[in-house]
Amino acid sequence: MSSSTPTNTSKLDRILADNQRDKEMGYRDKALKMYPHVCGRCAREFSGKRLSELTVHHRDHNHDNNPQDGSNWELLCLYCHDNEHSRYTDQQYFGEGSLSSPKIAKATHNPFAALAGLMKKDE
């Protein structure tokens, strides 16, 4: 059996309190209170019913990383958010270290190799 020291107990209490607060007020609500209702990419403004088109994007793509200061969040409209995730997926798929990256052969033929000589003939 392990005994809890006062330090461990207070840390656990703080974690549980933070967790409860997060449940009561989700990170989307926090981000909407912290940031102006503007897409961080296309700069469109959102209000009223259209506010639902504004999403919270996790900059490091880790949805479990939700610091209280909002430093991992940015507000993006639905279109820019989809685009950002597509770019991230493409980067992972086609990145240099990826095994699934298409192998592109280097060109061996230079169609303009003799161009300089041809131009000198005409002069």
C-alpha atoms as a PDB file:
ATOM      1  CA  MET A   1       0.000   0.000   0.000  1.00  0.00           C
ATOM      2  CA  SER A   2       1.193   3.463  -0.768  1.00  0.00           C
ATOM      3  CA  SER A   3       0.491   6.358   1.521  1.00  0.00           C
ATOM      4  CA  SER A   4      -0.365   9.798   0.215  1.00  0.00           C
ATOM      5  CA  THR A   5       1.730  12.642   1.398  1.00  0.00           C
ATOM      6  CA  PRO A   6       0.171  16.099   1.764  1.00  0.00           C
ATOM      7  CA  THR A   7       1.959  17.214  -1.419  1.00  0.00           C
ATOM      8  CA  ASN A   8       0.589  14.316  -3.474  1.00  0.00           C
ATOM      9  CA  THR A   9      -2.904  14.800  -2.051  1.00  0.00           C
ATOM     10  CA  SER A  10      -2.971  18.519  -2.865  1.00  0.00           C
ATOM     11  CA  LYS A  11      -1.667  17.818  -6.379  1.00  0.00           C
ATOM     12  CA  LEU A  12      -4.345  15.178  -6.892  1.00  0.00           C
ATOM     13  CA  ASP A  13      -7.021  17.546  -5.578  1.00  0.00           C
ATOM     14  CA  ARG A  14      -5.837  20.239  -8.010  1.00  0.00           C
ATOM     15  CA  ILE A  15      -5.902  17.798 -10.950  1.00  0.00           C
ATOM     16  CA  LEU A  16      -9.408  16.632 -10.064  1.00  0.00           C
ATOM     17  CA  ALA A  17     -10.612  20.231  -9.668  1.00  0.00           C
ATOM     18  CA  ASP A  18      -9.113  21.169 -13.056  1.00  0.00           C
ATOM     19  CA  ASN A  19     -10.756  18.152 -14.637  1.00  0.00           C
ATOM     20  CA  GLN A  20     -14.146  19.075 -13.162  1.00  0.00           C
ATOM     21  CA  ARG A  21     -13.789  22.676 -14.340  1.00  0.00           C
ATOM     22  CA  ASP A  22     -12.885  21.473 -17.836  1.00  0.00           C
ATOM     23  CA  LYS A  23     -15.987  19.286 -17.917  1.00  0.00           C
ATOM     24  CA  GLU A  24     -18.170  22.196 -16.877  1.00  0.00           C
ATOM     25  CA  MET A  25     -16.648  24.532 -19.429  1.00  0.00           C
ATOM     26  CA  GLY A  26     -15.158  22.802 -22.490  1.00  0.00           C
ATOM     27  CA  TYR A  27     -12.089  24.073 -24.270  1.00  0.00           C
ATOM     28  CA  ARG A  28     -14.199  25.406 -27.148  1.00  0.00           C
ATOM     29  CA  ASP A  29     -16.113  27.674 -24.774  1.00  0.00           C
ATOM     30  CA  LYS A  30     -12.836  28.790 -23.216  1.00  0.00           C
ATOM     31  CA  ALA A  31     -11.293  29.533 -26.607  1.00  0.00           C
ATOM     32  CA  LEU A  32     -14.367  31.508 -27.707  1.00  0.00           C
ATOM     33  CA  LYS A  33     -14.095  33.626 -24.560  1.00  0.00           C
ATOM     34  CA  MET A  34     -10.333  34.133 -24.953  1.00  0.00           C
ATOM     35  CA  TYR A  35     -10.055  34.932 -28.639  1.00  0.00           C
ATOM     36  CA  PRO A  36     -11.930  37.245 -31.009  1.00  0.00           C
ATOM     37  CA  HIS A  37     -14.458  35.436 -33.186  1.00  0.00           C
ATOM     38  CA  VAL A  38     -12.282  35.611 -36.286  1.00  0.00           C
ATOM     39  CA  CYS A  39     -10.741  32.783 -38.328  1.00  0.00           C
ATOM     40  CA  GLY A  40      -6.994  32.726 -37.779  1.00  0.00           C
ATOM     41  CA  ARG A  41      -6.344  31.925 -41.462  1.00  0.00           C
ATOM     42  CA  CYS A  42      -8.879  33.699 -43.682  1.00  0.00           C
ATOM     43  CA  ALA A  43      -9.796  36.449 -41.149  1.00  0.00           C
ATOM     44  CA  ARG A  44     -13.561  36.029 -41.622  1.00  0.00           C
ATOM     45  CA  GLU A  45     -15.596  37.248 -38.668  1.00  0.00           C
ATOM     46  CA  PHE A  46     -18.293  35.076 -37.091  1.00  0.00           C
ATOM     47  CA  SER A  47     -21.247  35.945 -34.882  1.00  0.00           C
ATOM     48  CA  GLY A  48     -24.732  34.739 -34.039  1.00  0.00           C
ATOM     49  CA  LYS A  49     -25.767  31.458 -35.656  1.00  0.00           C
ATOM     50  CA  ARG A  50     -22.614  31.397 -37.783  1.00  0.00           C
ATOM     51  CA  LEU A  51     -20.447  31.131 -34.665  1.00  0.00           C
ATOM     52  CA  SER A  52     -20.935  27.365 -34.893  1.00  0.00           C
ATOM     53  CA  GLU A  53     -18.792  27.437 -38.079  1.00  0.00           C
ATOM     54  CA  LEU A  54     -15.804  28.547 -36.006  1.00  0.00           C
ATOM     55  CA  THR A  55     -13.795  25.619 -34.641  1.00  0.00           C
ATOM     56  CA  VAL A  56     -10.896  25.216 -32.234  1.00  0.00           C
ATOM     57  CA  HIS A  57      -7.747  23.919 -33.887  1.00  0.00           C
ATOM     58  CA  HIS A  58      -5.008  22.334 -31.759  1.00  0.00           C
ATOM     59  CA  ARG A  59      -1.734  23.702 -33.110  1.00  0.00           C
ATOM     60  CA  ASP A  60       0.235  20.591 -32.177  1.00  0.00           C
ATOM     61  CA  HIS A  61      -2.611  18.318 -33.427  1.00  0.00           C
ATOM     62  CA  ASN A  62      -2.884  16.759 -29.948  1.00  0.00           C
ATOM     63  CA  HIS A  63      -6.474  17.076 -28.738  1.00  0.00           C
ATOM     64  CA  ASP A  64      -5.440  16.067 -25.230  1.00  0.00           C
ATOM     65  CA  ASN A  65      -3.103  19.064 -24.929  1.00  0.00           C
ATOM     66  CA  ASN A  66      -5.418  21.760 -23.578  1.00  0.00           C
ATOM     67  CA  PRO A  67      -3.407  24.220 -21.474  1.00  0.00           C
ATOM     68  CA  GLN A  68      -5.487  26.668 -19.452  1.00  0.00           C
ATOM     69  CA  ASP A  69      -3.864  29.654 -21.175  1.00  0.00           C
ATOM     70  CA  GLY A  70      -5.072  28.462 -24.607  1.00  0.00           C
ATOM     71  CA  SER A  71      -1.579  28.495 -26.079  1.00  0.00           C
ATOM     72  CA  ASN A  72      -2.268  25.334 -28.121  1.00  0.00           C
ATOM     73  CA  TRP A  73      -5.508  26.628 -29.643  1.00  0.00           C
ATOM     74  CA  GLU A  74      -6.486  28.826 -32.522  1.00  0.00           C
ATOM     75  CA  LEU A  75      -9.922  29.530 -33.928  1.00  0.00           C
ATOM     76  CA  LEU A  76     -10.391  28.456 -37.543  1.00  0.00           C
ATOM     77  CA  CYS A  77     -13.474  28.341 -39.731  1.00  0.00           C
ATOM     78  CA  LEU A  78     -14.626  24.925 -40.917  1.00  0.00           C
ATOM     79  CA  TYR A  79     -12.972  25.321 -44.321  1.00  0.00           C
ATOM     80  CA  CYS A  80      -9.591  26.488 -43.033  1.00  0.00           C
ATOM     81  CA  HIS A  81      -9.650  23.810 -40.316  1.00  0.00           C
ATOM     82  CA  ASP A  82     -10.237  21.069 -42.896  1.00  0.00           C
ATOM     83  CA  ASN A  83      -7.482  22.535 -45.065  1.00  0.00           C
ATOM     84  CA  GLU A  84      -5.051  22.610 -42.135  1.00  0.00           C
ATOM     85  CA  HIS A  85      -5.697  18.956 -41.310  1.00  0.00           C
ATOM     86  CA  SER A  86      -5.358  17.993 -44.974  1.00  0.00           C
ATOM     87  CA  ARG A  87      -1.999  19.735 -45.135  1.00  0.00           C
ATOM     88  CA  TYR A  88      -0.882  17.959 -41.961  1.00  0.00           C
ATOM     89  CA  THR A  89      -1.989  14.579 -43.329  1.00  0.00           C
ATOM     90  CA  ASP A  90      -0.229  15.239 -46.635  1.00  0.00           C
ATOM     91  CA  GLN A  91       2.930  16.236 -44.789  1.00  0.00           C
ATOM     92  CA  GLN A  92       2.888  12.992 -42.815  1.00  0.00           C
ATOM     93  CA  TYR A  93       2.142  10.915 -45.907  1.00  0.00           C
ATOM     94  CA  PHE A  94       4.506  12.601 -48.340  1.00  0.00           C
ATOM     95  CA  GLY A  95       7.227  13.717 -45.934  1.00  0.00           C
ATOM     96  CA  GLU A  96      10.826  12.771 -46.680  1.00  0.00           C
ATOM     97  CA  GLY A  97      10.953  10.191 -43.899  1.00  0.00           C
ATOM     98  CA  SER A  98       7.706   8.539 -44.924  1.00  0.00           C
ATOM     99  CA  LEU A  99       7.915   5.014 -46.313  1.00  0.00           C
ATOM    100  CA  SER A 100       4.846   5.629 -48.442  1.00  0.00           C
ATOM    101  CA  SER A 101       6.289   8.690 -50.173  1.00  0.00           C
ATOM    102  CA  PRO A 102       6.394   8.330 -53.936  1.00  0.00           C
ATOM    103  CA  LYS A 103       9.924   7.939 -55.254  1.00  0.00           C
ATOM    104  CA  ILE A 104      10.607  10.518 -57.954  1.00  0.00           C
ATOM    105  CA  ALA A 105      13.363   9.733 -60.424  1.00  0.00           C
ATOM    106  CA  LYS A 106      15.768  12.541 -61.198  1.00  0.00           C
ATOM    107  CA  ALA A 107      15.816  13.784 -64.780  1.00  0.00           C
ATOM    108  CA  THR A 108      18.857  12.690 -66.766  1.00  0.00           C
ATOM    109  CA  HIS A 109      18.072  14.465 -70.032  1.00  0.00           C
ATOM    110  CA  ASN A 110      18.635  18.201 -70.459  1.00  0.00           C
ATOM    111  CA  PRO A 111      16.679  19.440 -73.504  1.00  0.00           C
ATOM    112  CA  PHE A 112      18.535  22.773 -73.505  1.00  0.00           C
ATOM    113  CA  ALA A 113      22.086  21.398 -73.320  1.00  0.00           C
ATOM    114  CA  ALA A 114      22.942  22.382 -76.921  1.00  0.00           C
ATOM    115  CA  LEU A 115      20.903  25.611 -76.933  1.00  0.00           C
ATOM    116  CA  ALA A 116      23.877  27.913 -76.355  1.00  0.00           C
ATOM    117  CA  GLY A 117      25.719  26.409 -79.316  1.00  0.00           C
ATOM    118  CA  LEU A 118      22.660  26.724 -81.568  1.00  0.00           C
ATOM    119  CA  MET A 119      22.195  30.368 -80.639  1.00  0.00           C
ATOM    120  CA  LYS A 120      25.847  31.180 -81.435  1.00  0.00           C
ATOM    121  CA  LYS A 121      25.470  29.605 -84.927  1.00  0.00           C
ATOM    122  CA  ASP A 122      22.655  32.015 -85.826  1.00  0.00           C
ATOM    123  CA  GLU A 123      24.670  35.133 -84.961  1.00  0.00           C
END
